[in-house]
């Protein structure tokens, strides 16, 4: 994910990990051009991230993209 972000952004991105009482929340945000959320985005990088989040961590992921792209990933302590 960081490699793709460096290629697609203006060089600024944020990783923020919050520890909640029953889960972790990882927010990854950049200042790139974003992408069309109406399209079915199936890049190899996103497939790998989805496999890790849903398959290995048992978590969930939300994507937002307008002028920038933001991913919010939530997973429980048991997913680690």
Protein backbone atom coordinates (compact mmCIF):
# COMPACT_ATOMS: atom_id res chain seq x y z
CA UNK A 1 0.00 0.00 0.00
CA UNK A 2 2.72 2.59 0.81
CA UNK A 3 4.45 2.00 -2.53
CA UNK A 4 1.25 2.63 -4.49
CA UNK A 5 0.54 5.69 -2.40
CA UNK A 6 3.95 7.15 -3.20
CA UNK A 7 3.31 6.63 -6.92
CA UNK A 8 -0.21 8.10 -6.90
CA UNK A 9 0.04 10.96 -4.40
CA UNK A 10 1.70 14.31 -4.10
CA UNK A 11 4.00 12.73 -1.53
CA UNK A 12 1.91 13.16 1.60
CA UNK A 13 0.10 10.39 3.40
CA UNK A 14 -0.96 9.58 6.93
CA UNK A 15 -1.05 6.32 8.86
CA UNK A 16 -2.99 6.52 12.09
CA UNK A 17 -3.55 3.51 14.36
CA UNK A 18 -6.11 3.86 17.15
CA UNK A 19 -6.47 1.29 19.88
CA UNK A 20 -10.06 0.98 21.05
CA UNK A 21 -11.34 -1.18 23.89
CA UNK A 22 -12.26 -4.12 21.65
CA UNK A 23 -10.59 -3.42 18.30
CA UNK A 24 -7.96 -1.49 16.40
CA UNK A 25 -8.71 1.10 13.75
CA UNK A 26 -6.10 1.87 11.10
CA UNK A 27 -6.68 4.97 8.97
CA UNK A 28 -4.59 5.42 5.85
CA UNK A 29 -5.08 8.67 3.96
CA UNK A 30 -3.28 10.43 1.13
CA UNK A 31 -3.47 13.70 -0.79
CA UNK A 32 -3.55 12.15 -4.25
CA UNK A 33 -6.05 12.61 -7.04
CA UNK A 34 -8.43 9.92 -5.78
CA UNK A 35 -10.28 7.52 -8.05
CA UNK A 36 -13.79 6.86 -9.29
CA UNK A 37 -15.56 4.85 -6.58
CA UNK A 38 -18.29 3.99 -9.11
CA UNK A 39 -15.88 1.74 -10.95
CA UNK A 40 -15.16 -1.73 -9.67
CA UNK A 41 -11.55 -1.23 -8.61
CA UNK A 42 -9.79 -4.59 -8.78
CA UNK A 43 -6.08 -3.79 -8.75
CA UNK A 44 -3.65 -6.39 -7.49
CA UNK A 45 -2.71 -4.16 -4.56
CA UNK A 46 -6.32 -3.81 -3.40
CA UNK A 47 -6.89 -7.55 -3.81
CA UNK A 48 -3.92 -8.23 -1.53
CA UNK A 49 -5.12 -5.68 1.05
CA UNK A 50 -8.65 -7.13 1.02
CA UNK A 51 -7.25 -10.65 1.47
CA UNK A 52 -5.23 -9.50 4.47
CA UNK A 53 -8.02 -7.47 6.06
CA UNK A 54 -10.93 -9.84 5.53
CA UNK A 55 -9.15 -13.19 5.36
CA UNK A 56 -6.29 -12.98 7.80
CA UNK A 57 -7.41 -10.28 10.24
CA UNK A 58 -11.14 -11.01 10.09
CA UNK A 59 -11.65 -7.26 9.82
CA UNK A 60 -13.54 -4.79 7.69
CA UNK A 61 -12.47 -2.00 5.39
CA UNK A 62 -14.13 1.19 4.13
CA UNK A 63 -12.80 3.22 1.23
CA UNK A 64 -13.51 6.86 0.45
CA UNK A 65 -12.14 8.70 -2.54
CA UNK A 66 -12.84 12.18 -3.77
CA UNK A 67 -9.95 14.61 -3.89
CA UNK A 68 -7.95 12.17 -1.82
CA UNK A 69 -8.22 8.53 -0.85
CA UNK A 70 -8.91 7.27 2.65
CA UNK A 71 -9.04 3.70 3.93
CA UNK A 72 -10.43 2.84 7.35
CA UNK A 73 -9.56 -0.68 8.47
CA UNK A 74 -11.00 -2.17 11.66
CA UNK A 75 -9.94 -5.44 13.17
CA UNK A 76 -10.17 -7.13 16.57
CA UNK A 77 -7.34 -8.14 18.82
CA UNK A 78 -8.16 -11.75 17.93
CA UNK A 79 -7.32 -10.98 14.30
CA UNK A 80 -3.70 -10.47 15.25
